[in-house]
Every structure is written in structure tokens, then in C-alpha cells.
PDB file of all heavy atoms in Angstrom:
ATOM      1  N   LEU A   1     -58.867 -10.150  -2.759  1.00  0.00           N
ATOM      2  CA  LEU A   1     -58.398 -10.630  -4.030  1.00  0.00           C
ATOM      3  C   LEU A   1     -59.245 -11.868  -4.320  1.00  0.00           C
ATOM      4  O   LEU A   1     -59.299 -12.817  -3.517  1.00  0.00           O
ATOM      5  CB  LEU A   1     -56.932 -11.030  -3.965  1.00  0.00           C
ATOM      6  CG  LEU A   1     -55.926  -9.904  -3.727  1.00  0.00           C
ATOM      7  CD1 LEU A   1     -54.509 -10.485  -3.634  1.00  0.00           C
ATOM      8  CD2 LEU A   1     -55.989  -8.872  -4.830  1.00  0.00           C
ATOM      9  N   ALA A   2     -59.957 -11.844  -5.437  1.00  0.00           N
ATOM     10  CA  ALA A   2     -60.892 -12.946  -5.748  1.00  0.00           C
ATOM     11  C   ALA A   2     -60.625 -13.436  -7.166  1.00  0.00           C
ATOM     12  O   ALA A   2     -60.619 -12.625  -8.099  1.00  0.00           O
ATOM     13  CB  ALA A   2     -62.322 -12.463  -5.588  1.00  0.00           C
ATOM     14  N   VAL A   3     -60.435 -14.749  -7.298  1.00  0.00           N
ATOM     15  CA  VAL A   3     -60.254 -15.371  -8.605  1.00  0.00           C
ATOM     16  C   VAL A   3     -61.333 -16.390  -8.815  1.00  0.00           C
ATOM     17  O   VAL A   3     -61.468 -17.322  -8.011  1.00  0.00           O
ATOM     18  CB  VAL A   3     -58.839 -16.008  -8.698  1.00  0.00           C
ATOM     19  CG1 VAL A   3     -58.674 -16.683 -10.043  1.00  0.00           C
ATOM     20  CG2 VAL A   3     -57.728 -14.977  -8.472  1.00  0.00           C
ATOM     21  N   LYS A   4     -62.076 -16.208  -9.881  1.00  0.00           N
ATOM     22  CA  LYS A   4     -63.213 -17.071 -10.212  1.00  0.00           C
ATOM     23  C   LYS A   4     -62.818 -18.132 -11.231  1.00  0.00           C
ATOM     24  O   LYS A   4     -62.057 -17.883 -12.137  1.00  0.00           O
ATOM     25  CB  LYS A   4     -64.341 -16.244 -10.771  1.00  0.00           C
ATOM     26  CG  LYS A   4     -65.503 -17.023 -11.314  1.00  0.00           C
ATOM     27  CD  LYS A   4     -66.513 -16.143 -11.995  1.00  0.00           C
ATOM     28  CE  LYS A   4     -67.606 -16.952 -12.699  1.00  0.00           C
ATOM     29  NZ  LYS A   4     -68.582 -16.075 -13.358  1.00  0.00           N
ATOM     30  N   ARG A   5     -63.362 -19.327 -11.012  1.00  0.00           N
ATOM     31  CA  ARG A   5     -63.186 -20.418 -11.957  1.00  0.00           C
ATOM     32  C   ARG A   5     -64.612 -20.962 -12.280  1.00  0.00           C
ATOM     33  O   ARG A   5     -65.447 -21.104 -11.401  1.00  0.00           O
ATOM     34  CB  ARG A   5     -62.320 -21.518 -11.341  1.00  0.00           C
ATOM     35  CG  ARG A   5     -62.291 -22.823 -12.140  1.00  0.00           C
ATOM     36  CD  ARG A   5     -61.241 -23.777 -11.535  1.00  0.00           C
ATOM     37  NE  ARG A   5     -59.925 -23.407 -11.934  1.00  0.00           N
ATOM     38  CZ  ARG A   5     -58.851 -23.581 -11.192  1.00  0.00           C
ATOM     39  NH1 ARG A   5     -58.942 -24.121  -9.967  1.00  0.00           N
ATOM     40  NH2 ARG A   5     -57.663 -23.233 -11.631  1.00  0.00           N
ATOM     41  N   HIS A   6     -64.819 -21.298 -13.540  1.00  0.00           N
ATOM     42  CA  HIS A   6     -66.077 -21.889 -13.972  1.00  0.00           C
ATOM     43  C   HIS A   6     -66.208 -23.275 -13.370  1.00  0.00           C
ATOM     44  O   HIS A   6     -65.287 -24.089 -13.463  1.00  0.00           O
ATOM     45  CB  HIS A   6     -66.145 -21.965 -15.509  1.00  0.00           C
ATOM     46  CG  HIS A   6     -67.466 -22.454 -16.029  1.00  0.00           C
ATOM     47  ND1 HIS A   6     -68.503 -21.589 -16.358  1.00  0.00           N
ATOM     48  CD2 HIS A   6     -67.930 -23.711 -16.244  1.00  0.00           C
ATOM     49  CE1 HIS A   6     -69.533 -22.319 -16.767  1.00  0.00           C
ATOM     50  NE2 HIS A   6     -69.215 -23.579 -16.703  1.00  0.00           N
ATOM     51  N   TRP A   7     -67.353 -23.555 -12.763  1.00  0.00           N
ATOM     52  CA  TRP A   7     -67.614 -24.848 -12.170  1.00  0.00           C
ATOM     53  C   TRP A   7     -68.098 -25.824 -13.238  1.00  0.00           C
ATOM     54  O   TRP A   7     -68.934 -25.449 -14.075  1.00  0.00           O
ATOM     55  CB  TRP A   7     -68.645 -24.724 -11.071  1.00  0.00           C
ATOM     56  CG  TRP A   7     -68.947 -25.969 -10.307  1.00  0.00           C
ATOM     57  CD1 TRP A   7     -69.989 -26.815 -10.494  1.00  0.00           C
ATOM     58  CD2 TRP A   7     -68.106 -26.586  -9.318  1.00  0.00           C
ATOM     59  NE1 TRP A   7     -69.927 -27.872  -9.621  1.00  0.00           N
ATOM     60  CE2 TRP A   7     -68.773 -27.771  -8.905  1.00  0.00           C
ATOM     61  CE3 TRP A   7     -66.883 -26.240  -8.702  1.00  0.00           C
ATOM     62  CZ2 TRP A   7     -68.241 -28.608  -7.892  1.00  0.00           C
ATOM     63  CZ3 TRP A   7     -66.361 -27.058  -7.741  1.00  0.00           C
ATOM     64  CH2 TRP A   7     -67.049 -28.233  -7.348  1.00  0.00           C
ATOM     65  N   PRO A   8     -67.637 -27.063 -13.218  1.00  0.00           N
ATOM     66  CA  PRO A   8     -68.112 -28.045 -14.212  1.00  0.00           C
ATOM     67  C   PRO A   8     -69.622 -28.274 -14.116  1.00  0.00           C
ATOM     68  O   PRO A   8     -70.150 -28.578 -13.046  1.00  0.00           O
ATOM     69  CB  PRO A   8     -67.361 -29.342 -13.816  1.00  0.00           C
ATOM     70  CG  PRO A   8     -66.177 -28.864 -13.062  1.00  0.00           C
ATOM     71  CD  PRO A   8     -66.629 -27.620 -12.322  1.00  0.00           C
ATOM     72  N   ASP A   9     -70.298 -28.115 -15.220  1.00  0.00           N
ATOM     73  CA  ASP A   9     -71.774 -28.124 -15.220  1.00  0.00           C
ATOM     74  C   ASP A   9     -72.356 -29.457 -14.769  1.00  0.00           C
ATOM     75  O   ASP A   9     -73.449 -29.526 -14.241  1.00  0.00           O
ATOM     76  CB  ASP A   9     -72.335 -27.780 -16.637  1.00  0.00           C
ATOM     77  CG  ASP A   9     -72.011 -26.386 -17.014  1.00  0.00           C
ATOM     78  OD1 ASP A   9     -71.940 -25.475 -16.113  1.00  0.00           O
ATOM     79  OD2 ASP A   9     -71.879 -26.135 -18.232  1.00  0.00           O
ATOM     80  N   GLU A  10     -71.596 -30.560 -14.980  1.00  0.00           N
ATOM     81  CA  GLU A  10     -72.151 -31.894 -14.675  1.00  0.00           C
ATOM     82  C   GLU A  10     -72.138 -32.208 -13.177  1.00  0.00           C
ATOM     83  O   GLU A  10     -72.791 -33.146 -12.722  1.00  0.00           O
ATOM     84  CB  GLU A  10     -71.424 -32.965 -15.437  1.00  0.00           C
ATOM     85  CG  GLU A  10     -69.967 -33.181 -15.073  1.00  0.00           C
ATOM     86  CD  GLU A  10     -69.001 -32.363 -15.909  1.00  0.00           C
ATOM     87  OE1 GLU A  10     -69.395 -31.216 -16.308  1.00  0.00           O
ATOM     88  OE2 GLU A  10     -67.906 -32.855 -16.203  1.00  0.00           O
ATOM     89  N   ILE A  11     -71.382 -31.447 -12.376  1.00  0.00           N
ATOM     90  CA  ILE A  11     -71.328 -31.700 -10.954  1.00  0.00           C
ATOM     91  C   ILE A  11     -72.392 -30.858 -10.244  1.00  0.00           C
ATOM     92  O   ILE A  11     -72.328 -29.636 -10.255  1.00  0.00           O
ATOM     93  CB  ILE A  11     -69.944 -31.396 -10.344  1.00  0.00           C
ATOM     94  CG1 ILE A  11     -68.866 -32.259 -11.043  1.00  0.00           C
ATOM     95  CG2 ILE A  11     -69.931 -31.684  -8.832  1.00  0.00           C
ATOM     96  CD1 ILE A  11     -67.494 -32.003 -10.512  1.00  0.00           C
ATOM     97  N   LYS A  12     -73.368 -31.536  -9.659  1.00  0.00           N
ATOM     98  CA  LYS A  12     -74.451 -30.891  -8.973  1.00  0.00           C
ATOM     99  C   LYS A  12     -74.207 -30.929  -7.478  1.00  0.00           C
ATOM    100  O   LYS A  12     -73.365 -31.665  -6.970  1.00  0.00           O
ATOM    101  CB  LYS A  12     -75.782 -31.581  -9.298  1.00  0.00           C
ATOM    102  CG  LYS A  12     -76.013 -31.794 -10.790  1.00  0.00           C
ATOM    103  CD  LYS A  12     -76.037 -30.514 -11.595  1.00  0.00           C
ATOM    104  CE  LYS A  12     -76.356 -30.805 -13.050  1.00  0.00           C
ATOM    105  NZ  LYS A  12     -76.369 -29.584 -13.887  1.00  0.00           N
ATOM    106  N   ILE A  13     -75.052 -30.192  -6.786  1.00  0.00           N
ATOM    107  CA  ILE A  13     -74.929 -30.075  -5.304  1.00  0.00           C
ATOM    108  C   ILE A  13     -76.202 -30.656  -4.662  1.00  0.00           C
ATOM    109  O   ILE A  13     -77.321 -30.304  -5.062  1.00  0.00           O
ATOM    110  CB  ILE A  13     -74.750 -28.598  -4.907  1.00  0.00           C
ATOM    111  CG1 ILE A  13     -73.592 -27.965  -5.687  1.00  0.00           C
ATOM    112  CG2 ILE A  13     -74.589 -28.496  -3.417  1.00  0.00           C
ATOM    113  CD1 ILE A  13     -72.261 -28.603  -5.466  1.00  0.00           C
ATOM    114  N   VAL A  14     -75.994 -31.503  -3.668  1.00  0.00           N
ATOM    115  CA  VAL A  14     -77.090 -31.983  -2.842  1.00  0.00           C
ATOM    116  C   VAL A  14     -76.959 -31.348  -1.460  1.00  0.00           C
ATOM    117  O   VAL A  14     -75.885 -31.449  -0.842  1.00  0.00           O
ATOM    118  CB  VAL A  14     -77.057 -33.519  -2.746  1.00  0.00           C
ATOM    119  CG1 VAL A  14     -78.170 -33.981  -1.790  1.00  0.00           C
ATOM    120  CG2 VAL A  14     -77.272 -34.157  -4.094  1.00  0.00           C
ATOM    121  N   LEU A  15     -78.017 -30.681  -0.999  1.00  0.00           N
ATOM    122  CA  LEU A  15     -77.997 -30.076   0.304  1.00  0.00           C
ATOM    123  C   LEU A  15     -78.863 -30.836   1.270  1.00  0.00           C
ATOM    124  O   LEU A  15     -80.025 -31.245   0.915  1.00  0.00           O
ATOM    125  CB  LEU A  15     -78.526 -28.619   0.197  1.00  0.00           C
ATOM    126  CG  LEU A  15     -77.802 -27.678  -0.756  1.00  0.00           C
ATOM    127  CD1 LEU A  15     -78.545 -26.330  -0.810  1.00  0.00           C
ATOM    128  CD2 LEU A  15     -76.379 -27.467  -0.290  1.00  0.00           C
ATOM    129  N   ALA A  16     -78.387 -31.051   2.469  1.00  0.00           N
ATOM    130  CA  ALA A  16     -79.186 -31.526   3.565  1.00  0.00           C
ATOM    131  C   ALA A  16     -79.237 -30.428   4.628  1.00  0.00           C
ATOM    132  O   ALA A  16     -78.217 -30.107   5.243  1.00  0.00           O
ATOM    133  CB  ALA A  16     -78.589 -32.825   4.158  1.00  0.00           C
ATOM    134  N   ILE A  17     -80.417 -29.826   4.798  1.00  0.00           N
ATOM    135  CA  ILE A  17     -80.577 -28.630   5.589  1.00  0.00           C
ATOM    136  C   ILE A  17     -81.350 -28.964   6.873  1.00  0.00           C
ATOM    137  O   ILE A  17     -82.569 -29.128   6.842  1.00  0.00           O
ATOM    138  CB  ILE A  17     -81.338 -27.539   4.784  1.00  0.00           C
ATOM    139  CG1 ILE A  17     -80.658 -27.297   3.424  1.00  0.00           C
ATOM    140  CG2 ILE A  17     -81.404 -26.254   5.598  1.00  0.00           C
ATOM    141  CD1 ILE A  17     -81.444 -26.452   2.505  1.00  0.00           C
ATOM    142  N   PRO A  18     -80.664 -29.104   8.000  1.00  0.00           N
ATOM    143  CA  PRO A  18     -81.351 -29.375   9.261  1.00  0.00           C
ATOM    144  C   PRO A  18     -82.322 -28.285   9.651  1.00  0.00           C
ATOM    145  O   PRO A  18     -82.245 -27.150   9.177  1.00  0.00           O
ATOM    146  CB  PRO A  18     -80.201 -29.494  10.269  1.00  0.00           C
ATOM    147  CG  PRO A  18     -79.018 -29.882   9.449  1.00  0.00           C
ATOM    148  CD  PRO A  18     -79.219 -29.112   8.155  1.00  0.00           C
ATOM    149  N   ASP A  19     -83.252 -28.654  10.558  1.00  0.00           N
ATOM    150  CA  ASP A  19     -84.274 -27.681  10.950  1.00  0.00           C
ATOM    151  C   ASP A  19     -83.840 -26.798  12.096  1.00  0.00           C
ATOM    152  O   ASP A  19     -84.689 -26.188  12.764  1.00  0.00           O
ATOM    153  CB  ASP A  19     -85.559 -28.441  11.323  1.00  0.00           C
ATOM    154  CG  ASP A  19     -85.376 -29.394  12.513  1.00  0.00           C
ATOM    155  OD1 ASP A  19     -84.221 -29.469  13.031  1.00  0.00           O
ATOM    156  OD2 ASP A  19     -86.322 -30.052  12.875  1.00  0.00           O
ATOM    157  N   PHE A  20     -82.554 -26.651  12.314  1.00  0.00           N
ATOM    158  CA  PHE A  20     -82.082 -25.729  13.322  1.00  0.00           C
ATOM    159  C   PHE A  20     -80.981 -24.845  12.774  1.00  0.00           C
ATOM    160  O   PHE A  20     -80.248 -25.245  11.835  1.00  0.00           O
ATOM    161  CB  PHE A  20     -81.531 -26.476  14.553  1.00  0.00           C
ATOM    162  CG  PHE A  20     -80.422 -27.440  14.326  1.00  0.00           C
ATOM    163  CD1 PHE A  20     -79.114 -27.025  14.317  1.00  0.00           C
ATOM    164  CD2 PHE A  20     -80.697 -28.779  14.085  1.00  0.00           C
ATOM    165  CE1 PHE A  20     -78.071 -27.912  14.074  1.00  0.00           C
ATOM    166  CE2 PHE A  20     -79.646 -29.677  13.845  1.00  0.00           C
ATOM    167  CZ  PHE A  20     -78.341 -29.230  13.862  1.00  0.00           C
ATOM    168  N   GLU A  21     -80.842 -23.632  13.320  1.00  0.00           N
ATOM    169  CA  GLU A  21     -79.851 -22.696  12.871  1.00  0.00           C
ATOM    170  C   GLU A  21     -78.560 -22.892  13.625  1.00  0.00           C
ATOM    171  O   GLU A  21     -78.497 -23.506  14.696  1.00  0.00           O
ATOM    172  CB  GLU A  21     -80.346 -21.249  13.098  1.00  0.00           C
ATOM    173  CG  GLU A  21     -81.628 -20.926  12.336  1.00  0.00           C
ATOM    174  CD  GLU A  21     -82.091 -19.520  12.596  1.00  0.00           C
ATOM    175  OE1 GLU A  21     -81.470 -18.803  13.434  1.00  0.00           O
ATOM    176  OE2 GLU A  21     -83.101 -19.104  11.962  1.00  0.00           O
ATOM    177  N   MET A  22     -77.459 -22.404  13.043  1.00  0.00           N
ATOM    178  CA  MET A  22     -76.138 -22.365  13.706  1.00  0.00           C
ATOM    179  C   MET A  22     -75.633 -20.987  13.765  1.00  0.00           C
ATOM    180  O   MET A  22     -75.754 -20.196  12.757  1.00  0.00           O
ATOM    181  CB  MET A  22     -75.128 -23.264  12.976  1.00  0.00           C
ATOM    182  CG  MET A  22     -75.501 -24.742  12.926  1.00  0.00           C
ATOM    183  SD  MET A  22     -75.677 -25.529  14.553  1.00  0.00           S
ATOM    184  CE  MET A  22     -74.028 -25.323  15.171  1.00  0.00           C
ATOM    185  N   ASN A  23     -75.051 -20.578  14.899  1.00  0.00           N
ATOM    186  CA  ASN A  23     -74.451 -19.269  15.039  1.00  0.00           C
ATOM    187  C   ASN A  23     -72.984 -19.342  14.634  1.00  0.00           C
ATOM    188  O   ASN A  23     -72.206 -20.069  15.217  1.00  0.00           O
ATOM    189  CB  ASN A  23     -74.554 -18.811  16.503  1.00  0.00           C
ATOM    190  CG  ASN A  23     -74.028 -17.402  16.704  1.00  0.00           C
ATOM    191  OD1 ASN A  23     -72.815 -17.184  16.689  1.00  0.00           O
ATOM    192  ND2 ASN A  23     -74.907 -16.442  16.906  1.00  0.00           N
ATOM    193  N   THR A  24     -72.639 -18.588  13.599  1.00  0.00           N
ATOM    194  CA  THR A  24     -71.285 -18.665  13.063  1.00  0.00           C
ATOM    195  C   THR A  24     -70.236 -18.292  14.086  1.00  0.00           C
ATOM    196  O   THR A  24     -69.173 -18.896  14.181  1.00  0.00           O
ATOM    197  CB  THR A  24     -71.137 -17.760  11.842  1.00  0.00           C
ATOM    198  OG1 THR A  24     -72.095 -18.163  10.826  1.00  0.00           O
ATOM    199  CG2 THR A  24     -69.745 -17.837  11.226  1.00  0.00           C
ATOM    200  N   THR A  25     -70.534 -17.279  14.871  1.00  0.00           N
ATOM    201  CA  THR A  25     -69.576 -16.823  15.919  1.00  0.00           C
ATOM    202  C   THR A  25     -69.340 -17.936  16.949  1.00  0.00           C
ATOM    203  O   THR A  25     -68.199 -18.190  17.315  1.00  0.00           O
ATOM    204  CB  THR A  25     -70.084 -15.562  16.616  1.00  0.00           C
ATOM    205  OG1 THR A  25     -70.273 -14.525  15.640  1.00  0.00           O
ATOM    206  CG2 THR A  25     -69.090 -15.112  17.675  1.00  0.00           C
ATOM    207  N   GLU A  26     -70.394 -18.602  17.354  1.00  0.00           N
ATOM    208  CA  GLU A  26     -70.220 -19.697  18.332  1.00  0.00           C
ATOM    209  C   GLU A  26     -69.472 -20.843  17.713  1.00  0.00           C
ATOM    210  O   GLU A  26     -68.653 -21.470  18.378  1.00  0.00           O
ATOM    211  CB  GLU A  26     -71.611 -20.176  18.807  1.00  0.00           C
ATOM    212  CG  GLU A  26     -72.298 -19.129  19.686  1.00  0.00           C
ATOM    213  CD  GLU A  26     -73.649 -19.668  20.181  1.00  0.00           C
ATOM    214  OE1 GLU A  26     -73.963 -20.856  19.888  1.00  0.00           O
ATOM    215  OE2 GLU A  26     -74.386 -18.853  20.821  1.00  0.00           O
ATOM    216  N   MET A  27     -69.739 -21.155  16.457  1.00  0.00           N
ATOM    217  CA  MET A  27     -69.029 -22.231  15.821  1.00  0.00           C
ATOM    218  C   MET A  27     -67.551 -21.921  15.605  1.00  0.00           C
ATOM    219  O   MET A  27     -66.675 -22.789  15.599  1.00  0.00           O
ATOM    220  CB  MET A  27     -69.701 -22.569  14.477  1.00  0.00           C
ATOM    221  CG  MET A  27     -71.076 -23.195  14.626  1.00  0.00           C
ATOM    222  SD  MET A  27     -71.045 -24.762  15.484  1.00  0.00           S
ATOM    223  CE  MET A  27     -70.492 -25.862  14.185  1.00  0.00           C
ATOM    224  N   ARG A  28     -67.250 -20.642  15.453  1.00  0.00           N
ATOM    225  CA  ARG A  28     -65.841 -20.192  15.332  1.00  0.00           C
ATOM    226  C   ARG A  28     -65.116 -20.415  16.639  1.00  0.00           C
ATOM    227  O   ARG A  28     -63.945 -20.755  16.664  1.00  0.00           O
ATOM    228  CB  ARG A  28     -65.829 -18.749  14.910  1.00  0.00           C
ATOM    229  CG  ARG A  28     -64.462 -18.142  14.626  1.00  0.00           C
ATOM    230  CD  ARG A  28     -63.873 -18.721  13.372  1.00  0.00           C
ATOM    231  NE  ARG A  28     -64.267 -18.034  12.166  1.00  0.00           N
ATOM    232  CZ  ARG A  28     -63.643 -18.150  11.001  1.00  0.00           C
ATOM    233  NH1 ARG A  28     -62.593 -18.914  10.884  1.00  0.00           N
ATOM    234  NH2 ARG A  28     -64.082 -17.542   9.948  1.00  0.00           N
ATOM    235  N   ARG A  29     -65.856 -20.227  17.742  1.00  0.00           N
ATOM    236  CA  ARG A  29     -65.222 -20.439  19.063  1.00  0.00           C
ATOM    237  C   ARG A  29     -64.847 -21.879  19.298  1.00  0.00           C
ATOM    238  O   ARG A  29     -64.030 -22.186  20.219  1.00  0.00           O
ATOM    239  CB  ARG A  29     -66.159 -19.954  20.171  1.00  0.00           C
ATOM    240  CG  ARG A  29     -66.413 -18.471  20.181  1.00  0.00           C
ATOM    241  CD  ARG A  29     -67.042 -18.068  21.538  1.00  0.00           C
ATOM    242  NE  ARG A  29     -67.545 -16.671  21.446  1.00  0.00           N
ATOM    243  CZ  ARG A  29     -68.799 -16.353  21.391  1.00  0.00           C
ATOM    244  NH1 ARG A  29     -69.755 -17.281  21.350  1.00  0.00           N
ATOM    245  NH2 ARG A  29     -69.151 -15.070  21.361  1.00  0.00           N
ATOM    246  N   ALA A  30     -65.428 -22.800  18.602  1.00  0.00           N
ATOM    247  CA  ALA A  30     -65.089 -24.217  18.740  1.00  0.00           C
ATOM    248  C   ALA A  30     -63.703 -24.560  18.220  1.00  0.00           C
ATOM    249  O   ALA A  30     -63.160 -25.626  18.522  1.00  0.00           O
ATOM    250  CB  ALA A  30     -66.151 -25.066  18.065  1.00  0.00           C
ATOM    251  N   LEU A  31     -63.147 -23.643  17.441  1.00  0.00           N
ATOM    252  CA  LEU A  31     -61.869 -23.943  16.756  1.00  0.00           C
ATOM    253  C   LEU A  31     -60.682 -23.588  17.683  1.00  0.00           C
ATOM    254  O   LEU A  31     -60.721 -22.624  18.477  1.00  0.00           O
ATOM    255  CB  LEU A  31     -61.766 -23.149  15.467  1.00  0.00           C
ATOM    256  CG  LEU A  31     -62.931 -23.314  14.504  1.00  0.00           C
ATOM    257  CD1 LEU A  31     -62.651 -22.534  13.231  1.00  0.00           C
ATOM    258  CD2 LEU A  31     -63.182 -24.772  14.161  1.00  0.00           C
ATOM    259  N   PRO A  32     -59.586 -24.323  17.584  1.00  0.00           N
ATOM    260  CA  PRO A  32     -58.427 -24.038  18.404  1.00  0.00           C
ATOM    261  C   PRO A  32     -57.713 -22.779  17.888  1.00  0.00           C
ATOM    262  O   PRO A  32     -57.851 -22.410  16.711  1.00  0.00           O
ATOM    263  CB  PRO A  32     -57.538 -25.255  18.205  1.00  0.00           C
ATOM    264  CG  PRO A  32     -57.914 -25.782  16.858  1.00  0.00           C
ATOM    265  CD  PRO A  32     -59.384 -25.490  16.735  1.00  0.00           C
ATOM    266  N   GLU A  33     -56.971 -22.098  18.769  1.00  0.00           N
ATOM    267  CA  GLU A  33     -56.225 -20.903  18.362  1.00  0.00           C
ATOM    268  C   GLU A  33     -54.973 -21.241  17.538  1.00  0.00           C
ATOM    269  O   GLU A  33     -54.464 -20.402  16.828  1.00  0.00           O
ATOM    270  CB  GLU A  33     -55.857 -20.097  19.590  1.00  0.00           C
ATOM    271  CG  GLU A  33     -57.042 -19.504  20.333  1.00  0.00           C
ATOM    272  CD  GLU A  33     -56.641 -18.595  21.466  1.00  0.00           C
ATOM    273  OE1 GLU A  33     -55.423 -18.390  21.667  1.00  0.00           O
ATOM    274  OE2 GLU A  33     -57.501 -18.089  22.182  1.00  0.00           O
ATOM    275  N   SER A  34     -54.508 -22.479  17.677  1.00  0.00           N
ATOM    276  CA  SER A  34     -53.326 -22.889  16.900  1.00  0.00           C
ATOM    277  C   SER A  34     -53.450 -24.371  16.568  1.00  0.00           C
ATOM    278  O   SER A  34     -54.184 -25.114  17.226  1.00  0.00           O
ATOM    279  CB  SER A  34     -52.033 -22.667  17.688  1.00  0.00           C
ATOM    280  OG  SER A  34     -52.023 -23.421  18.882  1.00  0.00           O
ATOM    281  N   VAL A  35     -52.769 -24.742  15.482  1.00  0.00           N
ATOM    282  CA  VAL A  35     -52.787 -26.143  15.059  1.00  0.00           C
ATOM    283  C   VAL A  35     -51.368 -26.582  14.737  1.00  0.00           C
ATOM    284  O   VAL A  35     -50.439 -25.740  14.613  1.00  0.00           O
ATOM    285  CB  VAL A  35     -53.668 -26.360  13.812  1.00  0.00           C
ATOM    286  CG1 VAL A  35     -55.108 -26.014  14.081  1.00  0.00           C
ATOM    287  CG2 VAL A  35     -53.127 -25.524  12.624  1.00  0.00           C
ATOM    288  N   SER A  36     -51.157 -27.837  14.611  1.00  0.00           N
ATOM    289  CA  SER A  36     -49.808 -28.368  14.331  1.00  0.00           C
ATOM    290  C   SER A  36     -49.429 -28.078  12.873  1.00  0.00           C
ATOM    291  O   SER A  36     -50.296 -27.897  11.998  1.00  0.00           O
ATOM    292  CB  SER A  36     -49.778 -29.872  14.562  1.00  0.00           C
ATOM    293  OG  SER A  36     -50.550 -30.561  13.586  1.00  0.00           O
ATOM    294  N   ILE A  37     -48.138 -28.073  12.598  1.00  0.00           N
ATOM    295  CA  ILE A  37     -47.666 -27.923  11.235  1.00  0.00           C
ATOM    296  C   ILE A  37     -48.187 -29.079  10.391  1.00  0.00           C
ATOM    297  O   ILE A  37     -48.592 -28.871   9.214  1.00  0.00           O
ATOM    298  CB  ILE A  37     -46.107 -27.933  11.210  1.00  0.00           C
ATOM    299  CG1 ILE A  37     -45.579 -26.613  11.768  1.00  0.00           C
ATOM    300  CG2 ILE A  37     -45.587 -28.144   9.776  1.00  0.00           C
ATOM    301  CD1 ILE A  37     -45.821 -25.412  10.862  1.00  0.00           C
ATOM    302  N   ALA A  38     -48.233 -30.273  10.938  1.00  0.00           N
ATOM    303  CA  ALA A  38     -48.724 -31.421  10.196  1.00  0.00           C
ATOM    304  C   ALA A  38     -50.164 -31.216   9.728  1.00  0.00           C
ATOM    305  O   ALA A  38     -50.508 -31.521   8.557  1.00  0.00           O
ATOM    306  CB  ALA A  38     -48.609 -32.684  11.032  1.00  0.00           C
ATOM    307  N   ASP A  39     -51.038 -30.690  10.605  1.00  0.00           N
ATOM    308  CA  ASP A  39     -52.409 -30.460  10.229  1.00  0.00           C
ATOM    309  C   ASP A  39     -52.541 -29.306   9.225  1.00  0.00           C
ATOM    310  O   ASP A  39     -53.346 -29.384   8.284  1.00  0.00           O
ATOM    311  CB  ASP A  39     -53.264 -30.161  11.444  1.00  0.00           C
ATOM    312  CG  ASP A  39     -53.532 -31.409  12.276  1.00  0.00           C
ATOM    313  OD1 ASP A  39     -53.235 -32.520  11.799  1.00  0.00           O
ATOM    314  OD2 ASP A  39     -54.059 -31.277  13.416  1.00  0.00           O
TER     315      ASP A  39
END
């Protein structure tokens, strides 16, 4: 289910792109399996 909203034209994006790649699967493993209700 996807709902699109028009982005405000005046807000631009600045990217800082490091010279190394990241593995999404490995970065996912860094996350805990559960979090607190507060978080």
C-alpha cells in the first residue's frame, strides 16, 4: 500500500556519500530483535 505526497519544491537534499559501500543485510543484523515500548 503506497501513498504519495508532493514534496515541497523549496526543500533540497544534500548528500554526503562516503567512498565505501555498506551491506544492507549486515546493517540489519546490527539492530535488536525487540525494543522498549518507550522507544
